[in-house]
């Protein structure tokens, strides 16, 4: 498995872990009635941690919308070079550290850990472009 493919796997597992955390937290704080409802009303008992879980998931999804298609493109086109490798490793490390720090509520470190994953997006795009001779 290439590092680029591994970054897709890690990203997917992080998304799954935060979704599972969100569901478990909702079950604990809002109860099964909320879980099986249409969720027309705000989640009861959300609290600061629940809001951080929701924000963490929203941020992961926002990043996934841009990063994952690029990483999938690199894998599908079999483009692997210094740029795509750096982008993939940066994404894996940055996102894997970012999630628990955001959930723990550590504000400045959270942003410092998020920034490399943001920078990795244009790096991946550049790696694909240069790998295709563009």
Protein backbone atom coordinates (compact mmCIF):
# COMPACT_ATOMS: atom_id res chain seq x y z
CA UNK A 1 0.00 0.00 0.00
CA UNK A 2 1.35 3.38 -0.93
CA UNK A 3 1.61 6.18 1.62
CA UNK A 4 -0.99 8.09 -0.40
CA UNK A 5 -3.41 5.15 -0.07
CA UNK A 6 -2.57 4.84 3.61
CA UNK A 7 -3.50 8.49 4.11
CA UNK A 8 -6.95 7.74 2.66
CA UNK A 9 -7.35 4.79 5.03
CA UNK A 10 -6.23 6.80 8.06
CA UNK A 11 -8.53 9.69 7.15
CA UNK A 12 -11.47 7.30 6.78
CA UNK A 13 -10.71 5.67 10.13
CA UNK A 14 -10.46 9.06 11.82
CA UNK A 15 -13.83 10.04 10.37
CA UNK A 16 -15.31 6.76 11.58
CA UNK A 17 -13.83 7.20 15.07
CA UNK A 18 -15.25 10.71 15.45
CA UNK A 19 -18.66 9.60 14.11
CA UNK A 20 -18.65 6.73 16.62
CA UNK A 21 -17.65 9.15 19.40
CA UNK A 22 -20.45 11.51 18.39
CA UNK A 23 -23.01 8.67 18.41
CA UNK A 24 -21.82 7.26 21.72
CA UNK A 25 -21.81 10.69 23.35
CA UNK A 26 -25.31 11.41 22.06
CA UNK A 27 -26.50 8.08 23.43
CA UNK A 28 -24.99 8.81 26.83
CA UNK A 29 -26.12 12.43 27.16
CA UNK A 30 -29.36 12.52 25.16
CA UNK A 31 -30.54 8.95 25.52
CA UNK A 32 -31.92 6.39 23.12
CA UNK A 33 -35.14 8.35 22.57
CA UNK A 34 -33.11 11.10 20.91
CA UNK A 35 -31.06 8.58 18.96
CA UNK A 36 -34.17 6.99 17.47
CA UNK A 37 -35.98 10.29 16.90
CA UNK A 38 -36.15 12.47 13.79
CA UNK A 39 -33.83 14.86 15.63
CA UNK A 40 -36.05 17.84 14.93
CA UNK A 41 -35.05 19.40 18.24
CA UNK A 42 -31.51 20.29 19.37
CA UNK A 43 -29.62 17.51 21.09
CA UNK A 44 -30.21 17.71 24.83
CA UNK A 45 -27.17 17.66 27.10
CA UNK A 46 -24.76 18.48 24.28
CA UNK A 47 -22.32 20.47 26.44
CA UNK A 48 -18.83 21.69 25.55
CA UNK A 49 -17.44 18.25 24.70
CA UNK A 50 -20.37 17.44 22.44
CA UNK A 51 -19.92 20.73 20.60
CA UNK A 52 -16.21 19.97 20.14
CA UNK A 53 -17.06 16.52 18.77
CA UNK A 54 -19.47 18.10 16.30
CA UNK A 55 -16.91 20.74 15.29
CA UNK A 56 -14.16 18.13 14.94
CA UNK A 57 -16.37 16.05 12.66
CA UNK A 58 -17.38 19.09 10.62
CA UNK A 59 -13.74 20.05 10.18
CA UNK A 60 -12.73 16.54 9.15
CA UNK A 61 -15.53 16.46 6.58
CA UNK A 62 -14.52 19.86 5.19
CA UNK A 63 -10.94 18.70 4.79
CA UNK A 64 -12.06 15.37 3.32
CA UNK A 65 -14.04 17.10 0.59
CA UNK A 66 -10.82 18.59 -0.77
CA UNK A 67 -8.04 16.21 0.33
CA UNK A 68 -9.56 12.79 -0.34
CA UNK A 69 -10.38 13.34 -4.05
CA UNK A 70 -6.80 14.48 -4.57
CA UNK A 71 -5.35 11.49 -2.71
CA UNK A 72 -7.68 9.14 -4.60
CA UNK A 73 -6.56 10.73 -7.86
CA UNK A 74 -2.91 10.20 -6.96
CA UNK A 75 -3.59 6.54 -6.13
CA UNK A 76 -5.75 5.93 -9.21
CA UNK A 77 -3.21 7.53 -11.54
CA UNK A 78 -0.32 5.83 -9.72
CA UNK A 79 1.35 9.16 -9.04
CA UNK A 80 3.74 8.99 -6.11
CA UNK A 81 6.54 11.48 -5.73
CA UNK A 82 8.12 13.63 -3.06
CA UNK A 83 5.20 16.10 -3.10
CA UNK A 84 2.47 13.47 -2.76
CA UNK A 85 4.44 11.57 -0.13
CA UNK A 86 5.01 14.71 1.96
CA UNK A 87 1.35 15.65 1.61
CA UNK A 88 0.18 12.18 2.63
CA UNK A 89 2.51 11.86 5.62
CA UNK A 90 1.70 15.40 6.71
CA UNK A 91 -2.01 14.66 6.52
CA UNK A 92 -1.70 11.41 8.47
CA UNK A 93 0.35 12.95 11.28
CA UNK A 94 -1.49 16.26 11.40
CA UNK A 95 -5.00 14.79 11.41
CA UNK A 96 -4.13 11.94 13.80
CA UNK A 97 -2.82 14.48 16.33
CA UNK A 98 -5.45 17.12 15.60
CA UNK A 99 -8.49 14.99 16.46
CA UNK A 100 -7.63 14.12 20.08
CA UNK A 101 -6.28 17.62 20.75
CA UNK A 102 -9.49 19.23 19.45
CA UNK A 103 -11.61 16.79 21.46
CA UNK A 104 -9.53 17.59 24.56
CA UNK A 105 -10.23 21.30 24.06
CA UNK A 106 -6.66 22.57 23.67
CA UNK A 107 -7.20 25.68 21.49
CA UNK A 108 -3.82 26.97 20.21
CA UNK A 109 -2.23 23.56 19.74
CA UNK A 110 -5.34 22.45 17.85
CA UNK A 111 -4.81 25.17 15.24
CA UNK A 112 -1.08 24.51 15.01
CA UNK A 113 -1.78 20.83 14.33
CA UNK A 114 -4.52 21.59 11.79
CA UNK A 115 -2.38 23.96 9.69
CA UNK A 116 -0.06 21.30 8.15
CA UNK A 117 -3.06 19.30 6.92
CA UNK A 118 -4.36 22.44 5.22
CA UNK A 119 -0.99 23.05 3.55
CA UNK A 120 -0.90 19.40 2.44
CA UNK A 121 -3.86 19.96 0.09
CA UNK A 122 -2.06 22.15 -2.46
CA UNK A 123 1.07 20.00 -2.02
CA UNK A 124 -0.91 16.93 -3.08
CA UNK A 125 -2.35 18.81 -6.06
CA UNK A 126 1.11 20.01 -7.08
CA UNK A 127 2.49 16.50 -6.75
CA UNK A 128 -0.21 15.13 -9.01
CA UNK A 129 0.32 17.88 -11.58
CA UNK A 130 4.10 17.41 -11.65
CA UNK A 131 3.74 13.64 -11.63
CA UNK A 132 1.61 13.82 -14.76
CA UNK A 133 4.15 16.04 -16.44
CA UNK A 134 2.03 19.16 -15.93
